[in-house]
Amino acid sequence: MIDTVFYDIGYGFMGRIANRLFVRREIERIFRYRELQIRRELALYVE
């Protein structure tokens, strides 16, 4: 499974700072959690 995410913070320079400090990490955290949950769900079907 491959996820492709496109996002734009906007707000110019301040948006780029916010992205580096907060947004990018939060998006990565969300997808790590999603991966973990998918692996757990799929593990239920493995014999």
C-alpha atoms as a PDB file:
ATOM      1  CA  MET A   1       0.000   0.000   0.000  1.00  0.00           C
ATOM      2  CA  ILE A   2       1.350   3.400  -0.930  1.00  0.00           C
ATOM      3  CA  ASP A   3      -0.029   6.700   0.269  1.00  0.00           C
ATOM      4  CA  THR A   4       0.739   9.903  -1.549  1.00  0.00           C
ATOM      5  CA  VAL A   5      -0.109  13.070   0.324  1.00  0.00           C
ATOM      6  CA  PHE A   6      -0.001  16.545  -1.134  1.00  0.00           C
ATOM      7  CA  TYR A   7      -0.545  19.450   1.187  1.00  0.00           C
ATOM      8  CA  ASP A   8       0.190  23.137   1.235  1.00  0.00           C
ATOM      9  CA  ILE A   9       0.346  25.099   4.439  1.00  0.00           C
ATOM     10  CA  GLY A  10       0.293  28.489   2.789  1.00  0.00           C
ATOM     11  CA  TYR A  11       1.254  31.617   4.724  1.00  0.00           C
ATOM     12  CA  GLY A  12       4.671  31.890   3.031  1.00  0.00           C
ATOM     13  CA  PHE A  13       7.701  31.920   5.278  1.00  0.00           C
ATOM     14  CA  MET A  14       5.669  31.390   8.461  1.00  0.00           C
ATOM     15  CA  GLY A  15       3.940  28.389   6.903  1.00  0.00           C
ATOM     16  CA  ARG A  16       7.277  26.821   6.027  1.00  0.00           C
ATOM     17  CA  ILE A  17       8.429  27.241   9.614  1.00  0.00           C
ATOM     18  CA  ALA A  18       5.198  25.730  10.946  1.00  0.00           C
ATOM     19  CA  ASN A  19       5.570  22.824   8.537  1.00  0.00           C
ATOM     20  CA  ARG A  20       9.078  22.038   9.732  1.00  0.00           C
ATOM     21  CA  LEU A  21       8.231  22.434  13.405  1.00  0.00           C
ATOM     22  CA  PHE A  22       4.800  20.841  13.626  1.00  0.00           C
ATOM     23  CA  VAL A  23       2.834  19.809  10.559  1.00  0.00           C
ATOM     24  CA  ARG A  24       5.240  17.412   8.866  1.00  0.00           C
ATOM     25  CA  ARG A  25       5.883  15.543  12.133  1.00  0.00           C
ATOM     26  CA  GLU A  26       2.172  15.270  12.836  1.00  0.00           C
ATOM     27  CA  ILE A  27       1.456  13.888   9.367  1.00  0.00           C
ATOM     28  CA  GLU A  28       4.281  11.354   9.770  1.00  0.00           C
ATOM     29  CA  ARG A  29       2.892  10.372  13.191  1.00  0.00           C
ATOM     30  CA  ILE A  30      -0.591   9.878  11.746  1.00  0.00           C
ATOM     31  CA  PHE A  31       0.703   7.588   9.006  1.00  0.00           C
ATOM     32  CA  ARG A  32       2.927   5.597  11.390  1.00  0.00           C
ATOM     33  CA  TYR A  33      -0.142   4.994  13.539  1.00  0.00           C
ATOM     34  CA  ARG A  34      -2.166   4.037  10.465  1.00  0.00           C
ATOM     35  CA  GLU A  35       0.511   1.557   9.384  1.00  0.00           C
ATOM     36  CA  LEU A  36       0.568  -0.026  12.839  1.00  0.00           C
ATOM     37  CA  GLN A  37      -3.207  -0.397  12.887  1.00  0.00           C
ATOM     38  CA  ILE A  38      -3.281  -1.940   9.409  1.00  0.00           C
ATOM     39  CA  ARG A  39      -0.551  -4.419  10.371  1.00  0.00           C
ATOM     40  CA  ARG A  40      -2.504  -5.369  13.513  1.00  0.00           C
ATOM     41  CA  GLU A  41      -5.713  -5.863  11.563  1.00  0.00           C
ATOM     42  CA  LEU A  42      -4.037  -7.939   8.870  1.00  0.00           C
ATOM     43  CA  ALA A  43      -2.262 -10.072  11.476  1.00  0.00           C
ATOM     44  CA  LEU A  44      -5.676 -11.310  12.610  1.00  0.00           C
ATOM     45  CA  TYR A  45      -6.076 -13.070   9.261  1.00  0.00           C
ATOM     46  CA  VAL A  46      -2.674 -14.775   9.137  1.00  0.00           C
ATOM     47  CA  GLU A  47      -2.633 -18.391  10.211  1.00  0.00           C
END
